[in-house]
Amino acid sequence: SDACDLVGGRLLMLSGPEGYCGLVRTGDGAIHAAAAVDAT
């Protein structure tokens, strides 16, 4: 809650040299994060 002000219904995608990470807040309030990261 304090670390991320991600509102429900918003898909947040972070992209950079390391890869990318998607975050979404589900109906129970938890944030689910999934990433694809370079092996190096």
PDB file of all heavy atoms in Angstrom:
ATOM      1  N   SER A   1       0.812  -1.215   0.000  1.00  0.00           N
ATOM      2  CA  SER A   1       0.000   0.000   0.000  1.00  0.00           C
ATOM      3  C   SER A   1       0.845   1.264   0.000  1.00  0.00           C
ATOM      4  O   SER A   1       0.520   2.244  -0.682  1.00  0.00           O
ATOM      5  CB  SER A   1      -0.945  -0.010   1.207  1.00  0.00           C
ATOM      6  OG  SER A   1      -0.191  -0.122   2.406  1.00  0.00           O
ATOM      7  N   ASP A   2       1.918   1.274   0.758  1.00  0.00           N
ATOM      8  CA  ASP A   2       2.765   2.470   0.834  1.00  0.00           C
ATOM      9  C   ASP A   2       3.835   2.494  -0.250  1.00  0.00           C
ATOM     10  O   ASP A   2       4.307   3.553  -0.646  1.00  0.00           O
ATOM     11  CB  ASP A   2       3.449   2.547   2.208  1.00  0.00           C
ATOM     12  CG  ASP A   2       2.443   2.726   3.338  1.00  0.00           C
ATOM     13  OD1 ASP A   2       1.383   3.319   3.088  1.00  0.00           O
ATOM     14  OD2 ASP A   2       2.735   2.264   4.455  1.00  0.00           O
ATOM     15  N   ALA A   3       4.225   1.320  -0.709  1.00  0.00           N
ATOM     16  CA  ALA A   3       5.315   1.244  -1.675  1.00  0.00           C
ATOM     17  C   ALA A   3       4.855   1.504  -3.099  1.00  0.00           C
ATOM     18  O   ALA A   3       5.654   1.881  -3.959  1.00  0.00           O
ATOM     19  CB  ALA A   3       5.971  -0.132  -1.607  1.00  0.00           C
ATOM     20  N   CYS A   4       3.572   1.318  -3.376  1.00  0.00           N
ATOM     21  CA  CYS A   4       3.065   1.473  -4.734  1.00  0.00           C
ATOM     22  C   CYS A   4       1.632   1.962  -4.690  1.00  0.00           C
ATOM     23  O   CYS A   4       0.782   1.336  -4.058  1.00  0.00           O
ATOM     24  CB  CYS A   4       3.161   0.144  -5.484  1.00  0.00           C
ATOM     25  SG  CYS A   4       2.568   0.223  -7.190  1.00  0.00           S
ATOM     26  N   ASP A   5       1.366   3.079  -5.344  1.00  0.00           N
ATOM     27  CA  ASP A   5       0.011   3.629  -5.352  1.00  0.00           C
ATOM     28  C   ASP A   5      -0.795   3.106  -6.540  1.00  0.00           C
ATOM     29  O   ASP A   5      -1.635   3.814  -7.096  1.00  0.00           O
ATOM     30  CB  ASP A   5       0.061   5.168  -5.380  1.00  0.00           C
ATOM     31  CG  ASP A   5       0.757   5.701  -6.621  1.00  0.00           C
ATOM     32  OD1 ASP A   5       1.373   4.900  -7.357  1.00  0.00           O
ATOM     33  OD2 ASP A   5       0.686   6.924  -6.849  1.00  0.00           O
ATOM     34  N   LEU A   6      -0.547   1.867  -6.908  1.00  0.00           N
ATOM     35  CA  LEU A   6      -1.217   1.260  -8.055  1.00  0.00           C
ATOM     36  C   LEU A   6      -2.694   1.059  -7.749  1.00  0.00           C
ATOM     37  O   LEU A   6      -3.059   0.320  -6.833  1.00  0.00           O
ATOM     38  CB  LEU A   6      -0.554  -0.085  -8.387  1.00  0.00           C
ATOM     39  CG  LEU A   6      -1.083  -0.832  -9.602  1.00  0.00           C
ATOM     40  CD1 LEU A   6      -0.889  -0.015 -10.873  1.00  0.00           C
ATOM     41  CD2 LEU A   6      -0.386  -2.186  -9.729  1.00  0.00           C
ATOM     42  N   VAL A   7      -3.534   1.720  -8.506  1.00  0.00           N
ATOM     43  CA  VAL A   7      -4.967   1.627  -8.274  1.00  0.00           C
ATOM     44  C   VAL A   7      -5.512   0.359  -8.929  1.00  0.00           C
ATOM     45  O   VAL A   7      -4.940  -0.175  -9.878  1.00  0.00           O
ATOM     46  CB  VAL A   7      -5.703   2.863  -8.838  1.00  0.00           C
ATOM     47  CG1 VAL A   7      -5.230   4.119  -8.137  1.00  0.00           C
ATOM     48  CG2 VAL A   7      -5.502   2.984 -10.346  1.00  0.00           C
ATOM     49  N   GLY A   8      -6.604  -0.132  -8.393  1.00  0.00           N
ATOM     50  CA  GLY A   8      -7.236  -1.311  -8.962  1.00  0.00           C
ATOM     51  C   GLY A   8      -7.703  -1.049 -10.376  1.00  0.00           C
ATOM     52  O   GLY A   8      -8.222   0.033 -10.691  1.00  0.00           O
ATOM     53  N   GLY A   9      -7.525  -2.019 -11.251  1.00  0.00           N
ATOM     54  CA  GLY A   9      -7.943  -1.884 -12.641  1.00  0.00           C
ATOM     55  C   GLY A   9      -6.874  -1.347 -13.564  1.00  0.00           C
ATOM     56  O   GLY A   9      -7.091  -1.276 -14.775  1.00  0.00           O
ATOM     57  N   ARG A  10      -5.713  -0.983 -13.013  1.00  0.00           N
ATOM     58  CA  ARG A  10      -4.631  -0.460 -13.850  1.00  0.00           C
ATOM     59  C   ARG A  10      -3.537  -1.508 -14.000  1.00  0.00           C
ATOM     60  O   ARG A  10      -3.077  -2.080 -13.010  1.00  0.00           O
ATOM     61  CB  ARG A  10      -4.046   0.812 -13.261  1.00  0.00           C
ATOM     62  CG  ARG A  10      -2.732   1.258 -13.930  1.00  0.00           C
ATOM     63  CD  ARG A  10      -2.357   2.670 -13.601  1.00  0.00           C
ATOM     64  NE  ARG A  10      -3.312   3.613 -14.195  1.00  0.00           N
ATOM     65  CZ  ARG A  10      -3.083   4.911 -14.345  1.00  0.00           C
ATOM     66  NH1 ARG A  10      -1.954   5.445 -13.940  1.00  0.00           N
ATOM     67  NH2 ARG A  10      -3.990   5.688 -14.888  1.00  0.00           N
ATOM     68  N   LEU A  11      -3.107  -1.738 -15.221  1.00  0.00           N
ATOM     69  CA  LEU A  11      -1.962  -2.596 -15.500  1.00  0.00           C
ATOM     70  C   LEU A  11      -0.742  -1.702 -15.668  1.00  0.00           C
ATOM     71  O   LEU A  11      -0.691  -0.861 -16.559  1.00  0.00           O
ATOM     72  CB  LEU A  11      -2.196  -3.421 -16.762  1.00  0.00           C
ATOM     73  CG  LEU A  11      -1.002  -4.217 -17.294  1.00  0.00           C
ATOM     74  CD1 LEU A  11      -0.490  -5.199 -16.247  1.00  0.00           C
ATOM     75  CD2 LEU A  11      -1.361  -4.932 -18.586  1.00  0.00           C
ATOM     76  N   LEU A  12       0.227  -1.865 -14.782  1.00  0.00           N
ATOM     77  CA  LEU A  12       1.456  -1.089 -14.809  1.00  0.00           C
ATOM     78  C   LEU A  12       2.567  -1.948 -15.386  1.00  0.00           C
ATOM     79  O   LEU A  12       2.836  -3.039 -14.889  1.00  0.00           O
ATOM     80  CB  LEU A  12       1.827  -0.631 -13.392  1.00  0.00           C
ATOM     81  CG  LEU A  12       3.214  -0.003 -13.203  1.00  0.00           C
ATOM     82  CD1 LEU A  12       3.351   1.280 -14.016  1.00  0.00           C
ATOM     83  CD2 LEU A  12       3.487   0.255 -11.720  1.00  0.00           C
ATOM     84  N   MET A  13       3.220  -1.451 -16.437  1.00  0.00           N
ATOM     85  CA  MET A  13       4.319  -2.172 -17.059  1.00  0.00           C
ATOM     86  C   MET A  13       5.587  -1.336 -16.969  1.00  0.00           C
ATOM     87  O   MET A  13       5.627  -0.185 -17.412  1.00  0.00           O
ATOM     88  CB  MET A  13       4.001  -2.469 -18.520  1.00  0.00           C
ATOM     89  CG  MET A  13       5.015  -3.358 -19.214  1.00  0.00           C
ATOM     90  SD  MET A  13       5.011  -5.061 -18.586  1.00  0.00           S
ATOM     91  CE  MET A  13       3.465  -5.666 -19.286  1.00  0.00           C
ATOM     92  N   LEU A  14       6.626  -1.906 -16.352  1.00  0.00           N
ATOM     93  CA  LEU A  14       7.926  -1.251 -16.219  1.00  0.00           C
ATOM     94  C   LEU A  14       8.891  -1.907 -17.184  1.00  0.00           C
ATOM     95  O   LEU A  14       9.010  -3.137 -17.218  1.00  0.00           O
ATOM     96  CB  LEU A  14       8.441  -1.375 -14.785  1.00  0.00           C
ATOM     97  CG  LEU A  14       7.473  -0.978 -13.668  1.00  0.00           C
ATOM     98  CD1 LEU A  14       8.115  -1.233 -12.309  1.00  0.00           C
ATOM     99  CD2 LEU A  14       7.045   0.481 -13.808  1.00  0.00           C
ATOM    100  N   SER A  15       9.610  -1.109 -17.960  1.00  0.00           N
ATOM    101  CA  SER A  15      10.520  -1.640 -18.967  1.00  0.00           C
ATOM    102  C   SER A  15      11.889  -0.997 -18.824  1.00  0.00           C
ATOM    103  O   SER A  15      12.005   0.189 -18.501  1.00  0.00           O
ATOM    104  CB  SER A  15       9.959  -1.374 -20.364  1.00  0.00           C
ATOM    105  OG  SER A  15      10.881  -1.748 -21.364  1.00  0.00           O
ATOM    106  N   GLY A  16      12.922  -1.790 -19.059  1.00  0.00           N
ATOM    107  CA  GLY A  16      14.285  -1.276 -18.980  1.00  0.00           C
ATOM    108  C   GLY A  16      15.265  -2.262 -19.571  1.00  0.00           C
ATOM    109  O   GLY A  16      14.879  -3.311 -20.106  1.00  0.00           O
ATOM    110  N   PRO A  17      16.564  -1.974 -19.480  1.00  0.00           N
ATOM    111  CA  PRO A  17      17.577  -2.862 -20.051  1.00  0.00           C
ATOM    112  C   PRO A  17      17.534  -4.273 -19.476  1.00  0.00           C
ATOM    113  O   PRO A  17      17.908  -5.240 -20.154  1.00  0.00           O
ATOM    114  CB  PRO A  17      18.896  -2.161 -19.700  1.00  0.00           C
ATOM    115  CG  PRO A  17      18.529  -0.740 -19.467  1.00  0.00           C
ATOM    116  CD  PRO A  17      17.154  -0.753 -18.888  1.00  0.00           C
ATOM    117  N   GLU A  18      17.098  -4.395 -18.231  1.00  0.00           N
ATOM    118  CA  GLU A  18      17.064  -5.708 -17.590  1.00  0.00           C
ATOM    119  C   GLU A  18      15.929  -6.595 -18.098  1.00  0.00           C
ATOM    120  O   GLU A  18      15.976  -7.814 -17.960  1.00  0.00           O
ATOM    121  CB  GLU A  18      16.930  -5.567 -16.071  1.00  0.00           C
ATOM    122  CG  GLU A  18      18.082  -4.872 -15.385  1.00  0.00           C
ATOM    123  CD  GLU A  18      18.011  -3.352 -15.541  1.00  0.00           C
ATOM    124  OE1 GLU A  18      16.954  -2.842 -15.984  1.00  0.00           O
ATOM    125  OE2 GLU A  18      19.025  -2.699 -15.241  1.00  0.00           O
ATOM    126  N   GLY A  19      14.888  -5.976 -18.647  1.00  0.00           N
ATOM    127  CA  GLY A  19      13.712  -6.712 -19.092  1.00  0.00           C
ATOM    128  C   GLY A  19      12.461  -5.895 -18.824  1.00  0.00           C
ATOM    129  O   GLY A  19      12.463  -4.669 -18.973  1.00  0.00           O
ATOM    130  N   TYR A  20      11.403  -6.540 -18.379  1.00  0.00           N
ATOM    131  CA  TYR A  20      10.183  -5.814 -18.056  1.00  0.00           C
ATOM    132  C   TYR A  20       9.426  -6.539 -16.962  1.00  0.00           C
ATOM    133  O   TYR A  20       9.600  -7.734 -16.724  1.00  0.00           O
ATOM    134  CB  TYR A  20       9.301  -5.612 -19.292  1.00  0.00           C
ATOM    135  CG  TYR A  20       8.991  -6.862 -20.072  1.00  0.00           C
ATOM    136  CD1 TYR A  20       7.900  -7.670 -19.745  1.00  0.00           C
ATOM    137  CD2 TYR A  20       9.778  -7.228 -21.159  1.00  0.00           C
ATOM    138  CE1 TYR A  20       7.611  -8.810 -20.469  1.00  0.00           C
ATOM    139  CE2 TYR A  20       9.496  -8.373 -21.891  1.00  0.00           C
ATOM    140  CZ  TYR A  20       8.410  -9.162 -21.542  1.00  0.00           C
ATOM    141  OH  TYR A  20       8.124 -10.293 -22.247  1.00  0.00           O
ATOM    142  N   CYS A  21       8.566  -5.772 -16.288  1.00  0.00           N
ATOM    143  CA  CYS A  21       7.788  -6.311 -15.172  1.00  0.00           C
ATOM    144  C   CYS A  21       6.405  -5.694 -15.205  1.00  0.00           C
ATOM    145  O   CYS A  21       6.259  -4.470 -15.292  1.00  0.00           O
ATOM    146  CB  CYS A  21       8.479  -6.003 -13.837  1.00  0.00           C
ATOM    147  SG  CYS A  21       7.591  -6.611 -12.369  1.00  0.00           S
ATOM    148  N   GLY A  22       5.375  -6.524 -15.159  1.00  0.00           N
ATOM    149  CA  GLY A  22       4.002  -6.052 -15.116  1.00  0.00           C
ATOM    150  C   GLY A  22       3.426  -6.236 -13.724  1.00  0.00           C
ATOM    151  O   GLY A  22       3.675  -7.255 -13.067  1.00  0.00           O
ATOM    152  N   LEU A  23       2.670  -5.240 -13.267  1.00  0.00           N
ATOM    153  CA  LEU A  23       2.053  -5.302 -11.946  1.00  0.00           C
ATOM    154  C   LEU A  23       0.595  -4.916 -12.054  1.00  0.00           C
ATOM    155  O   LEU A  23       0.230  -3.972 -12.782  1.00  0.00           O
ATOM    156  CB  LEU A  23       2.754  -4.366 -10.957  1.00  0.00           C
ATOM    157  CG  LEU A  23       4.250  -4.586 -10.728  1.00  0.00           C
ATOM    158  CD1 LEU A  23       5.047  -3.576 -11.553  1.00  0.00           C
ATOM    159  CD2 LEU A  23       4.611  -4.431  -9.256  1.00  0.00           C
ATOM    160  N   VAL A  24      -0.260  -5.622 -11.324  1.00  0.00           N
ATOM    161  CA  VAL A  24      -1.680  -5.318 -11.310  1.00  0.00           C
ATOM    162  C   VAL A  24      -2.238  -5.653  -9.932  1.00  0.00           C
ATOM    163  O   VAL A  24      -1.819  -6.629  -9.307  1.00  0.00           O
ATOM    164  CB  VAL A  24      -2.422  -6.105 -12.424  1.00  0.00           C
ATOM    165  CG1 VAL A  24      -2.367  -7.598 -12.174  1.00  0.00           C
ATOM    166  CG2 VAL A  24      -3.853  -5.632 -12.574  1.00  0.00           C
ATOM    167  N   ARG A  25      -3.147  -4.805  -9.446  1.00  0.00           N
ATOM    168  CA  ARG A  25      -3.777  -5.049  -8.143  1.00  0.00           C
ATOM    169  C   ARG A  25      -5.097  -5.780  -8.381  1.00  0.00           C
ATOM    170  O   ARG A  25      -5.976  -5.292  -9.081  1.00  0.00           O
ATOM    171  CB  ARG A  25      -4.022  -3.726  -7.401  1.00  0.00           C
ATOM    172  CG  ARG A  25      -4.407  -3.919  -5.932  1.00  0.00           C
ATOM    173  CD  ARG A  25      -4.672  -2.585  -5.248  1.00  0.00           C
ATOM    174  NE  ARG A  25      -3.496  -1.745  -5.163  1.00  0.00           N
ATOM    175  CZ  ARG A  25      -2.567  -1.833  -4.203  1.00  0.00           C
ATOM    176  NH1 ARG A  25      -2.676  -2.755  -3.270  1.00  0.00           N
ATOM    177  NH2 ARG A  25      -1.534  -1.017  -4.202  1.00  0.00           N
ATOM    178  N   THR A  26      -5.216  -6.958  -7.800  1.00  0.00           N
ATOM    179  CA  THR A  26      -6.421  -7.762  -7.976  1.00  0.00           C
ATOM    180  C   THR A  26      -7.499  -7.338  -6.980  1.00  0.00           C
ATOM    181  O   THR A  26      -7.281  -6.489  -6.116  1.00  0.00           O
ATOM    182  CB  THR A  26      -6.096  -9.256  -7.822  1.00  0.00           C
ATOM    183  OG1 THR A  26      -5.334  -9.457  -6.628  1.00  0.00           O
ATOM    184  CG2 THR A  26      -5.293  -9.753  -9.000  1.00  0.00           C
ATOM    185  N   GLY A  27      -8.663  -7.969  -7.089  1.00  0.00           N
ATOM    186  CA  GLY A  27      -9.814  -7.556  -6.294  1.00  0.00           C
ATOM    187  C   GLY A  27      -9.638  -7.713  -4.801  1.00  0.00           C
ATOM    188  O   GLY A  27     -10.355  -7.085  -4.021  1.00  0.00           O
ATOM    189  N   ASP A  28      -8.699  -8.548  -4.347  1.00  0.00           N
ATOM    190  CA  ASP A  28      -8.458  -8.722  -2.918  1.00  0.00           C
ATOM    191  C   ASP A  28      -7.438  -7.738  -2.372  1.00  0.00           C
ATOM    192  O   ASP A  28      -7.075  -7.805  -1.195  1.00  0.00           O
ATOM    193  CB  ASP A  28      -8.008 -10.154  -2.628  1.00  0.00           C
ATOM    194  CG  ASP A  28      -6.746 -10.537  -3.400  1.00  0.00           C
ATOM    195  OD1 ASP A  28      -6.290  -9.728  -4.247  1.00  0.00           O
ATOM    196  OD2 ASP A  28      -6.218 -11.642  -3.171  1.00  0.00           O
ATOM    197  N   GLY A  29      -6.954  -6.818  -3.210  1.00  0.00           N
ATOM    198  CA  GLY A  29      -6.014  -5.799  -2.771  1.00  0.00           C
ATOM    199  C   GLY A  29      -4.556  -6.152  -2.961  1.00  0.00           C
ATOM    200  O   GLY A  29      -3.695  -5.280  -2.845  1.00  0.00           O
ATOM    201  N   ALA A  30      -4.235  -7.398  -3.239  1.00  0.00           N
ATOM    202  CA  ALA A  30      -2.845  -7.804  -3.446  1.00  0.00           C
ATOM    203  C   ALA A  30      -2.352  -7.335  -4.808  1.00  0.00           C
ATOM    204  O   ALA A  30      -3.137  -7.150  -5.744  1.00  0.00           O
ATOM    205  CB  ALA A  30      -2.707  -9.315  -3.330  1.00  0.00           C
ATOM    206  N   ILE A  31      -1.052  -7.115  -4.917  1.00  0.00           N
ATOM    207  CA  ILE A  31      -0.438  -6.786  -6.197  1.00  0.00           C
ATOM    208  C   ILE A  31       0.274  -8.023  -6.725  1.00  0.00           C
ATOM    209  O   ILE A  31       1.119  -8.607  -6.041  1.00  0.00           O
ATOM    210  CB  ILE A  31       0.556  -5.616  -6.070  1.00  0.00           C
ATOM    211  CG1 ILE A  31      -0.194  -4.316  -5.796  1.00  0.00           C
ATOM    212  CG2 ILE A  31       1.384  -5.475  -7.351  1.00  0.00           C
ATOM    213  CD1 ILE A  31       0.700  -3.106  -5.648  1.00  0.00           C
ATOM    214  N   HIS A  32      -0.083  -8.428  -7.934  1.00  0.00           N
ATOM    215  CA  HIS A  32       0.567  -9.561  -8.585  1.00  0.00           C
ATOM    216  C   HIS A  32       1.581  -9.006  -9.584  1.00  0.00           C
ATOM    217  O   HIS A  32       1.241  -8.165 -10.416  1.00  0.00           O
ATOM    218  CB  HIS A  32      -0.459 -10.432  -9.299  1.00  0.00           C
ATOM    219  CG  HIS A  32      -1.350 -11.184  -8.364  1.00  0.00           C
ATOM    220  ND1 HIS A  32      -1.314 -12.557  -8.243  1.00  0.00           N
ATOM    221  CD2 HIS A  32      -2.295 -10.755  -7.484  1.00  0.00           C
ATOM    222  CE1 HIS A  32      -2.194 -12.945  -7.331  1.00  0.00           C
ATOM    223  NE2 HIS A  32      -2.804 -11.872  -6.865  1.00  0.00           N
ATOM    224  N   ALA A  33       2.808  -9.469  -9.483  1.00  0.00           N
ATOM    225  CA  ALA A  33       3.883  -9.012 -10.350  1.00  0.00           C
ATOM    226  C   ALA A  33       4.422 -10.180 -11.153  1.00  0.00           C
ATOM    227  O   ALA A  33       4.595 -11.284 -10.623  1.00  0.00           O
ATOM    228  CB  ALA A  33       5.008  -8.390  -9.526  1.00  0.00           C
ATOM    229  N   ALA A  34       4.668  -9.959 -12.425  1.00  0.00           N
ATOM    230  CA  ALA A  34       5.266 -10.970 -13.293  1.00  0.00           C
ATOM    231  C   ALA A  34       6.305 -10.286 -14.162  1.00  0.00           C
ATOM    232  O   ALA A  34       6.048  -9.205 -14.703  1.00  0.00           O
ATOM    233  CB  ALA A  34       4.214 -11.652 -14.158  1.00  0.00           C
ATOM    234  N   ALA A  35       7.478 -10.890 -14.269  1.00  0.00           N
ATOM    235  CA  ALA A  35       8.589 -10.256 -14.967  1.00  0.00           C
ATOM    236  C   ALA A  35       9.239 -11.208 -15.950  1.00  0.00           C
ATOM    237  O   ALA A  35       9.168 -12.433 -15.802  1.00  0.00           O
ATOM    238  CB  ALA A  35       9.635  -9.764 -13.957  1.00  0.00           C
ATOM    239  N   ALA A  36       9.870 -10.639 -16.973  1.00  0.00           N
ATOM    240  CA  ALA A  36      10.735 -11.358 -17.899  1.00  0.00           C
ATOM    241  C   ALA A  36      12.072 -10.637 -17.876  1.00  0.00           C
ATOM    242  O   ALA A  36      12.152  -9.455 -18.249  1.00  0.00           O
ATOM    243  CB  ALA A  36      10.147 -11.379 -19.308  1.00  0.00           C
ATOM    244  N   VAL A  37      13.118 -11.308 -17.423  1.00  0.00           N
ATOM    245  CA  VAL A  37      14.395 -10.661 -17.147  1.00  0.00           C
ATOM    246  C   VAL A  37      15.505 -11.369 -17.899  1.00  0.00           C
ATOM    247  O   VAL A  37      15.509 -12.603 -18.016  1.00  0.00           O
ATOM    248  CB  VAL A  37      14.695 -10.676 -15.628  1.00  0.00           C
ATOM    249  CG1 VAL A  37      15.971  -9.899 -15.320  1.00  0.00           C
ATOM    250  CG2 VAL A  37      13.522 -10.099 -14.848  1.00  0.00           C
ATOM    251  N   ASP A  38      16.458 -10.587 -18.411  1.00  0.00           N
ATOM    252  CA  ASP A  38      17.597 -11.165 -19.111  1.00  0.00           C
ATOM    253  C   ASP A  38      18.398 -12.060 -18.176  1.00  0.00           C
ATOM    254  O   ASP A  38      18.664 -11.705 -17.023  1.00  0.00           O
ATOM    255  CB  ASP A  38      18.501 -10.059 -19.662  1.00  0.00           C
ATOM    256  CG  ASP A  38      17.912  -9.387 -20.892  1.00  0.00           C
ATOM    257  OD1 ASP A  38      17.160 -10.048 -21.625  1.00  0.00           O
ATOM    258  OD2 ASP A  38      18.205  -8.195 -21.113  1.00  0.00           O
ATOM    259  N   ALA A  39      18.807 -13.197 -18.693  1.00  0.00           N
ATOM    260  CA  ALA A  39      19.548 -14.161 -17.879  1.00  0.00           C
ATOM    261  C   ALA A  39      20.860 -13.581 -17.374  1.00  0.00           C
ATOM    262  O   ALA A  39      21.304 -13.899 -16.263  1.00  0.00           O
ATOM    263  CB  ALA A  39      19.805 -15.431 -18.689  1.00  0.00           C
ATOM    264  N   THR A  40      21.482 -12.703 -18.165  1.00  0.00           N
ATOM    265  CA  THR A  40      22.750 -12.111 -17.732  1.00  0.00           C
ATOM    266  C   THR A  40      22.556 -11.239 -16.493  1.00  0.00           C
ATOM    267  O   THR A  40      23.395 -11.241 -15.588  1.00  0.00           O
ATOM    268  CB  THR A  40      23.358 -11.274 -18.863  1.00  0.00           C
ATOM    269  OG1 THR A  40      22.380 -10.333 -19.352  1.00  0.00           O
ATOM    270  CG2 THR A  40      23.815 -12.156 -20.007  1.00  0.00           C
TER     271      THR A  40
END
